[in-house]
Amino acid sequence: MTMVTGRQCSCGYTADDADGLSDHLLEVFTSENDVGLDGRVHFEGDARLACACGFTAITIAELDAHFVRVFVSPGRIGVDGVRHAPASDGQAPPSSSPPGA
């Protein structure tokens, strides 16, 4: 059995493709008011692959990377209280329940 860790989150979520994993990470880290760790509002502003903060990307992957940089906390704890990171970062999926579960 071959395990593809490049598309798996440490929470156990497995994506069909790399974009699916990025979408998962953005979903669990993006705050309700779209304010990033830098205190600025970030969201996809228009069809030019631009963020509301003024960052403009050439590719969707570049815009996704920008969002991950501004929303993912150093401890990688999502708004759901669970640690999320690509499983390829060397961390095993958590074996305990999320806080408050």
Protein backbone atom coordinates (compact mmCIF):
# COMPACT_ATOMS: atom_id res chain seq x y z
CA MET A 1 0.00 0.00 0.00
CA THR A 2 1.40 3.40 -0.99
CA MET A 3 0.48 6.36 1.18
CA VAL A 4 0.53 9.80 -0.40
CA THR A 5 1.23 12.21 2.45
CA GLY A 6 1.49 15.31 0.25
CA ARG A 7 -2.31 15.47 0.18
CA GLN A 8 -3.10 14.53 3.76
CA CYS A 9 -3.60 16.81 6.73
CA SER A 10 -2.23 15.80 10.12
CA CYS A 11 -5.87 15.81 11.36
CA GLY A 12 -6.52 12.82 9.08
CA TYR A 13 -8.27 14.64 6.21
CA THR A 14 -7.11 13.35 2.81
CA ALA A 15 -7.61 15.47 -0.29
CA ASP A 16 -8.04 14.29 -3.87
CA ASP A 17 -5.46 16.84 -5.04
CA ALA A 18 -3.13 19.56 -3.75
CA ASP A 19 -5.78 22.24 -4.25
CA GLY A 20 -8.15 20.27 -2.03
CA LEU A 21 -5.57 20.24 0.77
CA SER A 22 -5.02 24.00 0.40
CA ASP A 23 -8.79 24.53 0.53
CA HIS A 24 -8.99 22.42 3.70
CA LEU A 25 -6.18 24.38 5.39
CA LEU A 26 -7.74 27.71 4.44
CA GLU A 27 -11.11 26.55 5.77
CA VAL A 28 -9.74 25.62 9.19
CA PHE A 29 -7.45 28.64 9.60
CA THR A 30 -9.35 31.57 8.06
CA SER A 31 -11.03 33.68 10.72
CA GLU A 32 -14.72 34.54 10.41
CA ASN A 33 -13.90 38.18 9.69
CA ASP A 34 -11.06 37.34 7.24
CA VAL A 35 -8.46 39.06 9.45
CA GLY A 36 -5.03 37.43 9.16
CA LEU A 37 -2.33 37.08 11.80
CA ASP A 38 -0.96 40.41 10.57
CA GLY A 39 -4.21 42.17 11.58
CA ARG A 40 -5.14 42.96 7.96
CA VAL A 41 -8.20 41.76 6.06
CA HIS A 42 -7.41 39.06 3.48
CA PHE A 43 -9.82 37.51 0.99
CA GLU A 44 -9.91 36.95 -2.76
CA GLY A 45 -11.00 40.35 -4.01
CA ASP A 46 -11.54 39.92 -7.73
CA ALA A 47 -10.84 37.85 -10.83
CA ARG A 48 -7.21 39.11 -11.08
CA LEU A 49 -6.02 36.69 -8.38
CA ALA A 50 -5.71 39.53 -5.91
CA CYS A 51 -6.09 39.66 -2.15
CA ALA A 52 -8.01 42.48 -0.48
CA CYS A 53 -4.72 43.54 1.17
CA GLY A 54 -3.29 44.44 -2.25
CA PHE A 55 -1.20 41.31 -2.89
CA THR A 56 -1.53 40.18 -6.52
CA ALA A 57 -0.65 36.66 -7.61
CA ILE A 58 0.28 35.20 -10.98
CA THR A 59 -1.16 31.74 -10.21
CA ILE A 60 -3.85 30.31 -7.95
CA ALA A 61 -1.14 28.38 -6.07
CA GLU A 62 0.67 31.65 -5.36
CA LEU A 63 -2.53 33.24 -3.99
CA ASP A 64 -3.20 30.13 -1.87
CA ALA A 65 0.35 30.32 -0.49
CA HIS A 66 -0.27 33.97 0.45
CA PHE A 67 -3.44 33.02 2.34
CA VAL A 68 -1.68 30.16 4.14
CA ARG A 69 1.10 32.58 5.21
CA VAL A 70 -1.34 35.10 6.68
CA PHE A 71 -3.81 32.71 8.32
CA VAL A 72 -1.86 29.66 9.56
CA SER A 73 -0.80 30.16 13.16
CA PRO A 74 2.70 29.12 14.28
CA GLY A 75 1.15 26.29 16.35
CA ARG A 76 -1.01 25.28 13.38
CA ILE A 77 -4.15 25.14 15.54
CA GLY A 78 -7.21 25.83 13.40
CA VAL A 79 -10.38 27.67 14.36
CA ASP A 80 -11.79 24.21 15.13
CA GLY A 81 -9.20 23.75 17.94
CA VAL A 82 -7.39 20.94 16.09
CA ARG A 83 -3.79 20.98 14.84
CA HIS A 84 -3.66 21.01 11.03
CA ALA A 85 -0.59 20.71 8.80
CA PRO A 86 0.39 18.68 5.78
CA ALA A 87 1.21 15.21 7.14
CA SER A 88 4.49 15.37 5.24
CA ASP A 89 5.83 17.78 7.89
CA GLY A 90 6.88 14.71 9.89
CA GLN A 91 4.04 14.90 12.40
CA ALA A 92 1.80 11.90 12.93
CA PRO A 93 -1.97 12.41 12.89
CA PRO A 94 -3.25 13.26 16.37
CA SER A 95 -4.48 10.38 18.45
CA SER A 96 -6.51 12.40 20.94
CA SER A 97 -9.77 14.31 20.63
CA PRO A 98 -9.75 18.04 20.00
CA PRO A 99 -10.02 20.28 23.08
CA GLY A 100 -13.58 20.53 24.34
CA ALA A 101 -14.75 17.45 22.43
